[in-house]
């Protein structure tokens, strides 16, 4: 499974050095980099992150800056990231008391970096056992408002006509358009399968599949979902083998 790592570091040489080390690891990894909290927040909304690497001090010119700790605290308030491994980059002498007890920090990487130590910590963090990855929320933003949808309640998603509709057991959301590929990345769950260019279904809600007529009957939804001609074979393969 693709593992997504978010590095939040204001010093580009340090960020580049970390990327170079991580990219050499024999793991299927996608690395995202942010130099400030605003950039990091945008990436968290767009992608599901499996590991955070956060510099505690993001503004060295500010003697009291601990923006990295503040961001980590906000991350821990999001149900989806309550237990996601979090590694701090630090040159501070003793930030452990607050970080370990309040933020459940997985580990530290001290500056200057030691390549072998970094690889060992990241490998351990990505192997850290978590709750079922489908037991989480996904987030969508519309007109400055952030909406959350519990993945277990999502029946199917339709991305068409420059808009996206999310059909849940008890709600229906209409949010700005994203591609099915972007949504699949955000959902990050084997329970969701793309059945056409425009639709993604949660296979736990599939009641009946008519391959001859390319129709899926979903529980709690009256209107059938179409299976795309091009994706019919792949969809059937995934339904029968996963």
Protein backbone atom coordinates (compact mmCIF):
# COMPACT_ATOMS: atom_id res chain seq x y z
CA UNK A 1 0.00 0.00 0.00
CA UNK A 2 1.20 3.50 -0.81
CA UNK A 3 2.37 5.31 2.35
CA UNK A 4 2.09 9.11 2.42
CA UNK A 5 4.55 11.12 4.49
CA UNK A 6 4.11 14.81 5.20
CA UNK A 7 7.26 16.76 6.10
CA UNK A 8 6.70 20.18 7.66
CA UNK A 9 10.03 22.02 7.68
CA UNK A 10 10.71 25.69 6.98
CA UNK A 11 14.36 25.17 5.98
CA UNK A 12 14.47 23.82 2.41
CA UNK A 13 17.98 22.24 2.76
CA UNK A 14 16.71 20.19 5.71
CA UNK A 15 13.53 19.25 3.88
CA UNK A 16 15.48 18.23 0.77
CA UNK A 17 17.91 16.18 2.85
CA UNK A 18 15.07 14.26 4.49
CA UNK A 19 13.38 13.62 1.14
CA UNK A 20 16.64 12.31 -0.31
CA UNK A 21 17.06 9.86 2.57
CA UNK A 22 13.46 8.65 2.55
CA UNK A 23 13.29 8.22 -1.23
CA UNK A 24 16.09 5.65 -1.01
CA UNK A 25 14.07 3.41 1.28
CA UNK A 26 12.58 0.25 -0.31
CA UNK A 27 9.00 1.24 0.55
CA UNK A 28 6.15 2.46 -1.63
CA UNK A 29 6.16 6.09 -0.43
CA UNK A 30 4.75 9.42 -1.55
CA UNK A 31 6.40 12.41 0.14
CA UNK A 32 4.74 15.81 0.54
CA UNK A 33 6.60 18.86 1.84
CA UNK A 34 5.26 22.03 3.46
CA UNK A 35 7.24 25.00 4.71
CA UNK A 36 4.47 26.40 6.87
CA UNK A 37 1.22 25.50 8.62
CA UNK A 38 -1.02 26.85 5.85
CA UNK A 39 0.59 24.60 3.22
CA UNK A 40 0.49 21.62 5.59
CA UNK A 41 -3.21 22.15 6.32
CA UNK A 42 -4.03 22.15 2.60
CA UNK A 43 -2.21 18.84 2.11
CA UNK A 44 -3.96 17.24 5.09
CA UNK A 45 -7.32 18.18 3.58
CA UNK A 46 -6.37 16.78 0.18
CA UNK A 47 -4.59 13.53 1.10
CA UNK A 48 -4.72 10.91 3.83
CA UNK A 49 -1.35 11.06 5.60
CA UNK A 50 0.23 7.98 7.21
CA UNK A 51 3.18 9.71 8.92
CA UNK A 52 3.88 13.29 9.98
CA UNK A 53 7.43 14.61 10.32
CA UNK A 54 7.18 18.06 11.92
CA UNK A 55 9.80 20.65 12.78
CA UNK A 56 8.90 22.06 16.20
CA UNK A 57 10.27 25.52 15.35
CA UNK A 58 9.00 26.87 12.01
CA UNK A 59 10.00 30.50 12.53
CA UNK A 60 13.58 30.65 13.91
CA UNK A 61 13.43 34.47 14.06
CA UNK A 62 10.69 34.22 16.68
CA UNK A 63 12.33 33.23 20.00
CA UNK A 64 9.11 31.72 21.35
CA UNK A 65 7.99 29.88 18.22
CA UNK A 66 6.60 26.35 18.65
CA UNK A 67 4.29 26.36 15.61
CA UNK A 68 5.09 22.69 14.93
CA UNK A 69 3.75 21.68 18.35
CA UNK A 70 0.63 23.77 17.78
CA UNK A 71 0.02 22.07 14.43
CA UNK A 72 0.50 18.62 16.01
CA UNK A 73 -2.03 19.49 18.70
CA UNK A 74 -4.60 20.43 16.04
CA UNK A 75 -3.86 17.22 14.12
CA UNK A 76 -4.57 15.16 17.24
CA UNK A 77 -7.99 16.79 17.50
CA UNK A 78 -8.96 15.22 14.16
CA UNK A 79 -10.39 11.72 14.70
CA UNK A 80 -8.70 10.42 11.56
CA UNK A 81 -5.26 11.36 12.90
CA UNK A 82 -5.71 10.65 16.59
CA UNK A 83 -3.13 7.86 16.53
CA UNK A 84 -1.20 8.50 13.31
CA UNK A 85 2.58 8.30 13.95
CA UNK A 86 4.12 11.71 14.48
CA UNK A 87 7.86 12.41 14.49
CA UNK A 88 9.32 15.73 15.59
CA UNK A 89 12.39 17.41 14.12
CA UNK A 90 14.05 19.28 16.92
CA UNK A 91 17.18 20.92 18.23
CA UNK A 92 15.46 21.82 21.52
CA UNK A 93 16.95 20.35 24.66
CA UNK A 94 13.92 18.74 26.29
CA UNK A 95 10.49 19.02 24.63
CA UNK A 96 9.64 15.43 25.63
CA UNK A 97 7.33 15.99 28.59
CA UNK A 98 4.64 17.86 26.65
CA UNK A 99 5.07 15.99 23.37
CA UNK A 100 4.93 12.46 24.71
CA UNK A 101 2.15 12.92 27.22
CA UNK A 102 -0.11 15.32 25.33
CA UNK A 103 0.61 14.63 21.66
CA UNK A 104 1.62 10.94 21.73
CA UNK A 105 4.79 11.62 19.76
CA UNK A 106 6.21 8.47 18.16
CA UNK A 107 9.83 9.63 18.20
CA UNK A 108 12.31 12.45 17.55
CA UNK A 109 14.85 13.21 14.88
CA UNK A 110 17.53 15.51 16.22
CA UNK A 111 19.37 18.02 14.09
CA UNK A 112 21.83 17.50 12.49
CA UNK A 113 20.35 14.38 10.88
CA UNK A 114 21.87 10.91 11.01
CA UNK A 115 20.77 9.01 7.90
CA UNK A 116 20.68 5.51 9.37
CA UNK A 117 18.77 6.71 12.44
CA UNK A 118 16.19 8.45 10.24
CA UNK A 119 15.59 5.31 8.17
CA UNK A 120 15.15 3.16 11.28
CA UNK A 121 12.64 5.53 12.89
CA UNK A 122 10.57 5.98 9.71
CA UNK A 123 10.51 2.24 9.05
CA UNK A 124 9.26 1.57 12.58
CA UNK A 125 6.69 4.37 12.38
CA UNK A 126 5.18 3.08 9.13
CA UNK A 127 4.89 -0.39 10.66
CA UNK A 128 3.16 1.01 13.75
CA UNK A 129 -0.18 -0.82 14.22
CA UNK A 130 -3.24 1.40 13.82
CA UNK A 131 -6.99 0.92 13.95
CA UNK A 132 -8.76 -0.16 10.79
CA UNK A 133 -7.91 2.47 8.20
CA UNK A 134 -11.55 2.67 7.14
CA UNK A 135 -12.59 3.79 10.62
CA UNK A 136 -12.02 7.48 9.92
CA UNK A 137 -13.39 10.68 8.49
CA UNK A 138 -12.67 12.35 5.18
CA UNK A 139 -12.87 16.10 4.85
CA UNK A 140 -14.17 18.35 2.06
CA UNK A 141 -14.18 22.13 1.88
CA UNK A 142 -16.87 24.28 0.28
CA UNK A 143 -17.03 28.07 0.41
CA UNK A 144 -14.72 28.22 3.42
CA UNK A 145 -16.62 25.55 5.37
CA UNK A 146 -15.05 22.12 6.06
CA UNK A 147 -17.45 19.17 5.94
CA UNK A 148 -16.63 15.72 7.31
CA UNK A 149 -18.01 12.36 6.23
CA UNK A 150 -17.49 9.11 8.15
CA UNK A 151 -16.15 6.62 5.60
CA UNK A 152 -18.21 3.76 6.99
CA UNK A 153 -21.37 5.75 6.22
CA UNK A 154 -20.48 6.62 2.61
CA UNK A 155 -22.54 4.53 0.17
CA UNK A 156 -21.19 5.93 -3.08
CA UNK A 157 -19.63 9.04 -4.60
CA UNK A 158 -20.43 10.59 -7.96
CA UNK A 159 -17.97 12.99 -9.62
CA UNK A 160 -19.56 14.56 -12.69
CA UNK A 161 -20.68 17.83 -14.25
CA UNK A 162 -17.98 19.74 -12.37
CA UNK A 163 -19.40 18.82 -8.99
CA UNK A 164 -19.13 15.94 -6.53
CA UNK A 165 -22.01 14.31 -4.67
CA UNK A 166 -21.39 12.12 -1.62
CA UNK A 167 -24.28 9.81 -0.77
CA UNK A 168 -24.22 8.64 2.86
CA UNK A 169 -26.65 6.63 4.94
CA UNK A 170 -28.22 9.69 6.53
CA UNK A 171 -26.91 12.64 4.53
CA UNK A 172 -26.06 13.81 1.05
CA UNK A 173 -23.27 16.32 0.37
CA UNK A 174 -22.57 18.37 -2.72
CA UNK A 175 -19.04 19.76 -2.74
CA UNK A 176 -16.55 21.14 -5.31
CA UNK A 177 -15.40 18.74 -8.01
CA UNK A 178 -12.51 16.32 -7.52
CA UNK A 179 -11.43 13.49 -9.78
CA UNK A 180 -12.16 9.90 -8.80
CA UNK A 181 -8.42 9.34 -8.50
CA UNK A 182 -8.11 12.17 -5.97
CA UNK A 183 -11.06 10.84 -3.98
CA UNK A 184 -9.70 7.29 -3.94
CA UNK A 185 -6.43 8.66 -2.56
CA UNK A 186 -8.30 10.53 0.14
CA UNK A 187 -10.50 7.56 1.10
CA UNK A 188 -7.47 5.25 1.26
CA UNK A 189 -9.61 2.16 1.85
CA UNK A 190 -9.99 -1.22 0.14
CA UNK A 191 -13.75 -1.06 0.69
CA UNK A 192 -14.15 1.55 -2.05
CA UNK A 193 -14.07 0.54 -5.72
CA UNK A 194 -14.33 2.74 -8.78
CA UNK A 195 -17.02 1.35 -11.08
CA UNK A 196 -16.97 3.99 -13.83
CA UNK A 197 -15.20 7.18 -14.83
CA UNK A 198 -17.52 9.08 -12.53
CA UNK A 199 -18.53 6.78 -9.66
CA UNK A 200 -16.97 5.12 -6.62
CA UNK A 201 -18.98 2.61 -4.57
CA UNK A 202 -18.54 1.24 -1.07
CA UNK A 203 -18.74 -2.50 -1.63
CA UNK A 204 -20.21 -3.12 1.84
CA UNK A 205 -23.42 -1.44 0.64
CA UNK A 206 -23.72 -3.39 -2.61
CA UNK A 207 -26.98 -5.34 -2.59
CA UNK A 208 -26.94 -6.77 -6.11
CA UNK A 209 -24.79 -6.55 -9.27
CA UNK A 210 -26.21 -7.07 -12.76
CA UNK A 211 -23.16 -7.35 -15.00
CA UNK A 212 -25.24 -7.94 -18.14
CA UNK A 213 -26.99 -4.60 -17.81
CA UNK A 214 -24.07 -2.97 -16.00
CA UNK A 215 -26.11 -1.97 -12.96
CA UNK A 216 -25.32 -1.97 -9.24
CA UNK A 217 -28.15 -1.86 -6.68
CA UNK A 218 -26.94 -0.14 -3.52
CA UNK A 219 -28.64 -0.49 -0.16
CA UNK A 220 -30.52 2.63 1.04
CA UNK A 221 -30.39 4.12 -2.49
CA UNK A 222 -33.28 3.80 -4.98
CA UNK A 223 -31.42 4.86 -8.13
CA UNK A 224 -29.05 2.18 -9.49
CA UNK A 225 -25.39 2.97 -10.12
CA UNK A 226 -24.02 2.33 -13.60
CA UNK A 227 -20.90 0.26 -14.27
CA UNK A 228 -18.77 1.83 -16.99
CA UNK A 229 -18.13 -0.19 -20.16
CA UNK A 230 -14.38 0.35 -19.95
CA UNK A 231 -14.19 -0.44 -16.22
CA UNK A 232 -16.55 -3.44 -16.17
CA UNK A 233 -13.82 -6.08 -16.40
CA UNK A 234 -11.58 -4.45 -13.78
CA UNK A 235 -14.52 -3.85 -11.44
CA UNK A 236 -15.61 -7.49 -11.67
CA UNK A 237 -12.05 -8.66 -11.04
CA UNK A 238 -11.75 -6.53 -7.92
CA UNK A 239 -15.15 -7.63 -6.59
CA UNK A 240 -14.28 -11.29 -7.03
CA UNK A 241 -10.66 -11.23 -5.88
CA UNK A 242 -10.38 -8.67 -3.08
